[in-house]
Amino acid sequence: RFNRRTSKSRGLLFYRLAQLAVVTDPNPRSKIVPAQDVVSG
């Protein structure tokens, strides 16, 4: 884990973020955010 503020090598932080994005499966927004009924008015 890299501390964003005090890290001497921010490139490693970006590399790790990109690596996680490639490895993990994509999740649709509806799976992450609970469904909400939108009521207008």
PDB file of N, CA and C in Angstrom:
ATOM      1  N   ARG A   1       0.850  -1.188   0.000  1.00  0.00           N
ATOM      2  CA  ARG A   1       0.000   0.000   0.000  1.00  0.00           C
ATOM      3  C   ARG A   1       0.884   1.236   0.000  1.00  0.00           C
ATOM      4  N   PHE A   2       0.513   2.184  -0.799  1.00  0.00           N
ATOM      5  CA  PHE A   2       1.295   3.406  -0.919  1.00  0.00           C
ATOM      6  C   PHE A   2       0.515   4.582  -0.344  1.00  0.00           C
ATOM      7  N   ASN A   3       1.183   5.386   0.447  1.00  0.00           N
ATOM      8  CA  ASN A   3       0.562   6.594   0.966  1.00  0.00           C
ATOM      9  C   ASN A   3       0.648   7.659  -0.120  1.00  0.00           C
ATOM     10  N   ARG A   4      -0.480   8.202  -0.509  1.00  0.00           N
ATOM     11  CA  ARG A   4      -0.506   9.139  -1.630  1.00  0.00           C
ATOM     12  C   ARG A   4       0.268  10.412  -1.353  1.00  0.00           C
ATOM     13  N   ARG A   5       0.167  10.932  -0.134  1.00  0.00           N
ATOM     14  CA  ARG A   5       0.757  12.243   0.149  1.00  0.00           C
ATOM     15  C   ARG A   5       2.254  12.183   0.404  1.00  0.00           C
ATOM     16  N   THR A   6       2.690  11.171   1.133  1.00  0.00           N
ATOM     17  CA  THR A   6       4.102  11.131   1.513  1.00  0.00           C
ATOM     18  C   THR A   6       4.918  10.174   0.642  1.00  0.00           C
ATOM     19  N   SER A   7       4.289   9.563  -0.339  1.00  0.00           N
ATOM     20  CA  SER A   7       5.009   8.619  -1.181  1.00  0.00           C
ATOM     21  C   SER A   7       6.051   9.342  -2.033  1.00  0.00           C
ATOM     22  N   LYS A   8       7.252   8.780  -2.061  1.00  0.00           N
ATOM     23  CA  LYS A   8       8.315   9.375  -2.871  1.00  0.00           C
ATOM     24  C   LYS A   8       8.149   8.990  -4.336  1.00  0.00           C
ATOM     25  N   SER A   9       7.492   7.886  -4.571  1.00  0.00           N
ATOM     26  CA  SER A   9       7.316   7.437  -5.954  1.00  0.00           C
ATOM     27  C   SER A   9       5.828   7.322  -6.262  1.00  0.00           C
ATOM     28  N   ARG A  10       5.275   8.394  -6.785  1.00  0.00           N
ATOM     29  CA  ARG A  10       3.847   8.385  -7.117  1.00  0.00           C
ATOM     30  C   ARG A  10       3.566   7.523  -8.334  1.00  0.00           C
ATOM     31  N   GLY A  11       4.585   7.266  -9.135  1.00  0.00           N
ATOM     32  CA  GLY A  11       4.409   6.395 -10.293  1.00  0.00           C
ATOM     33  C   GLY A  11       3.989   4.998  -9.878  1.00  0.00           C
ATOM     34  N   LEU A  12       4.527   4.528  -8.749  1.00  0.00           N
ATOM     35  CA  LEU A  12       4.152   3.214  -8.249  1.00  0.00           C
ATOM     36  C   LEU A  12       2.689   3.182  -7.840  1.00  0.00           C
ATOM     37  N   LEU A  13       2.187   4.285  -7.300  1.00  0.00           N
ATOM     38  CA  LEU A  13       0.782   4.363  -6.918  1.00  0.00           C
ATOM     39  C   LEU A  13      -0.098   4.207  -8.154  1.00  0.00           C
ATOM     40  N   PHE A  14       0.249   4.927  -9.220  1.00  0.00           N
ATOM     41  CA  PHE A  14      -0.521   4.839 -10.459  1.00  0.00           C
ATOM     42  C   PHE A  14      -0.401   3.446 -11.066  1.00  0.00           C
ATOM     43  N   TYR A  15       0.788   2.868 -11.005  1.00  0.00           N
ATOM     44  CA  TYR A  15       1.008   1.525 -11.534  1.00  0.00           C
ATOM     45  C   TYR A  15       0.137   0.515 -10.802  1.00  0.00           C
ATOM     46  N   ARG A  16       0.081   0.633  -9.482  1.00  0.00           N
ATOM     47  CA  ARG A  16      -0.724  -0.277  -8.671  1.00  0.00           C
ATOM     48  C   ARG A  16      -2.211  -0.108  -8.975  1.00  0.00           C
ATOM     49  N   LEU A  17      -2.637   1.131  -9.156  1.00  0.00           N
ATOM     50  CA  LEU A  17      -4.030   1.412  -9.477  1.00  0.00           C
ATOM     51  C   LEU A  17      -4.406   0.792 -10.826  1.00  0.00           C
ATOM     52  N   ALA A  18      -3.519   0.956 -11.806  1.00  0.00           N
ATOM     53  CA  ALA A  18      -3.762   0.378 -13.129  1.00  0.00           C
ATOM     54  C   ALA A  18      -3.774  -1.144 -13.060  1.00  0.00           C
ATOM     55  N   GLN A  19      -2.898  -1.703 -12.252  1.00  0.00           N
ATOM     56  CA  GLN A  19      -2.822  -3.151 -12.105  1.00  0.00           C
ATOM     57  C   GLN A  19      -4.113  -3.698 -11.504  1.00  0.00           C
ATOM     58  N   LEU A  20      -4.634  -3.019 -10.483  1.00  0.00           N
ATOM     59  CA  LEU A  20      -5.888  -3.442  -9.861  1.00  0.00           C
ATOM     60  C   LEU A  20      -7.050  -3.341 -10.845  1.00  0.00           C
ATOM     61  N   ALA A  21      -7.053  -2.295 -11.663  1.00  0.00           N
ATOM     62  CA  ALA A  21      -8.136  -2.103 -12.627  1.00  0.00           C
ATOM     63  C   ALA A  21      -8.153  -3.226 -13.663  1.00  0.00           C
ATOM     64  N   VAL A  22      -6.980  -3.738 -14.012  1.00  0.00           N
ATOM     65  CA  VAL A  22      -6.901  -4.801 -15.009  1.00  0.00           C
ATOM     66  C   VAL A  22      -7.298  -6.146 -14.405  1.00  0.00           C
ATOM     67  N   VAL A  23      -6.910  -6.385 -13.166  1.00  0.00           N
ATOM     68  CA  VAL A  23      -7.124  -7.693 -12.545  1.00  0.00           C
ATOM     69  C   VAL A  23      -8.576  -7.907 -12.120  1.00  0.00           C
ATOM     70  N   THR A  24      -9.216  -6.865 -11.577  1.00  0.00           N
ATOM     71  CA  THR A  24     -10.570  -7.026 -11.050  1.00  0.00           C
ATOM     72  C   THR A  24     -11.599  -7.068 -12.172  1.00  0.00           C
ATOM     73  N   ASP A  25     -12.682  -7.772 -11.924  1.00  0.00           N
ATOM     74  CA  ASP A  25     -13.765  -7.852 -12.892  1.00  0.00           C
ATOM     75  C   ASP A  25     -14.558  -6.556 -12.894  1.00  0.00           C
ATOM     76  N   PRO A  26     -15.067  -6.154 -14.057  1.00  0.00           N
ATOM     77  CA  PRO A  26     -15.874  -4.930 -14.102  1.00  0.00           C
ATOM     78  C   PRO A  26     -17.214  -5.132 -13.401  1.00  0.00           C
ATOM     79  N   ASN A  27     -17.634  -4.126 -12.656  1.00  0.00           N
ATOM     80  CA  ASN A  27     -18.915  -4.168 -11.967  1.00  0.00           C
ATOM     81  C   ASN A  27     -19.804  -3.061 -12.495  1.00  0.00           C
ATOM     82  N   PRO A  28     -21.047  -3.395 -12.843  1.00  0.00           N
ATOM     83  CA  PRO A  28     -21.956  -2.332 -13.276  1.00  0.00           C
ATOM     84  C   PRO A  28     -22.307  -1.413 -12.119  1.00  0.00           C
ATOM     85  N   ARG A  29     -22.696  -0.206 -12.439  1.00  0.00           N
ATOM     86  CA  ARG A  29     -23.010   0.791 -11.407  1.00  0.00           C
ATOM     87  C   ARG A  29     -24.137   0.307 -10.500  1.00  0.00           C
ATOM     88  N   SER A  30     -25.099  -0.407 -11.064  1.00  0.00           N
ATOM     89  CA  SER A  30     -26.235  -0.882 -10.276  1.00  0.00           C
ATOM     90  C   SER A  30     -25.804  -1.893  -9.216  1.00  0.00           C
ATOM     91  N   LYS A  31     -24.683  -2.536  -9.436  1.00  0.00           N
ATOM     92  CA  LYS A  31     -24.185  -3.506  -8.463  1.00  0.00           C
ATOM     93  C   LYS A  31     -23.460  -2.806  -7.310  1.00  0.00           C
ATOM     94  N   ILE A  32     -22.860  -1.654  -7.600  1.00  0.00           N
ATOM     95  CA  ILE A  32     -22.108  -0.917  -6.588  1.00  0.00           C
ATOM     96  C   ILE A  32     -23.032  -0.021  -5.772  1.00  0.00           C
ATOM     97  N   VAL A  33     -23.868   0.741  -6.468  1.00  0.00           N
ATOM     98  CA  VAL A  33     -24.770   1.682  -5.810  1.00  0.00           C
ATOM     99  C   VAL A  33     -26.133   1.024  -5.656  1.00  0.00           C
ATOM    100  N   PRO A  34     -26.700   1.034  -4.450  1.00  0.00           N
ATOM    101  CA  PRO A  34     -28.025   0.426  -4.270  1.00  0.00           C
ATOM    102  C   PRO A  34     -29.084   1.138  -5.115  1.00  0.00           C
ATOM    103  N   ALA A  35     -30.024   0.370  -5.621  1.00  0.00           N
ATOM    104  CA  ALA A  35     -31.073   0.938  -6.477  1.00  0.00           C
ATOM    105  C   ALA A  35     -31.946   1.888  -5.678  1.00  0.00           C
ATOM    106  N   GLN A  36     -32.233   3.033  -6.272  1.00  0.00           N
ATOM    107  CA  GLN A  36     -33.080   4.030  -5.622  1.00  0.00           C
ATOM    108  C   GLN A  36     -34.193   4.423  -6.580  1.00  0.00           C
ATOM    109  N   ASP A  37     -35.399   4.545  -6.029  1.00  0.00           N
ATOM    110  CA  ASP A  37     -36.522   5.001  -6.841  1.00  0.00           C
ATOM    111  C   ASP A  37     -36.454   6.511  -6.965  1.00  0.00           C
ATOM    112  N   VAL A  38     -36.481   6.993  -8.189  1.00  0.00           N
ATOM    113  CA  VAL A  38     -36.424   8.432  -8.426  1.00  0.00           C
ATOM    114  C   VAL A  38     -37.850   8.954  -8.545  1.00  0.00           C
ATOM    115  N   VAL A  39     -38.206   9.858  -7.633  1.00  0.00           N
ATOM    116  CA  VAL A  39     -39.547  10.435  -7.638  1.00  0.00           C
ATOM    117  C   VAL A  39     -39.420  11.900  -8.003  1.00  0.00           C
ATOM    118  N   SER A  40     -40.062  12.294  -9.086  1.00  0.00           N
ATOM    119  CA  SER A  40     -40.003  13.697  -9.492  1.00  0.00           C
ATOM    120  C   SER A  40     -41.195  14.444  -8.916  1.00  0.00           C
ATOM    121  N   GLY A  41     -40.956  15.699  -8.544  1.00  0.00           N
ATOM    122  CA  GLY A  41     -42.074  16.488  -8.058  1.00  0.00           C
ATOM    123  C   GLY A  41     -41.727  17.210  -6.878  1.00  0.00           C
TER     124      GLY A  41
END
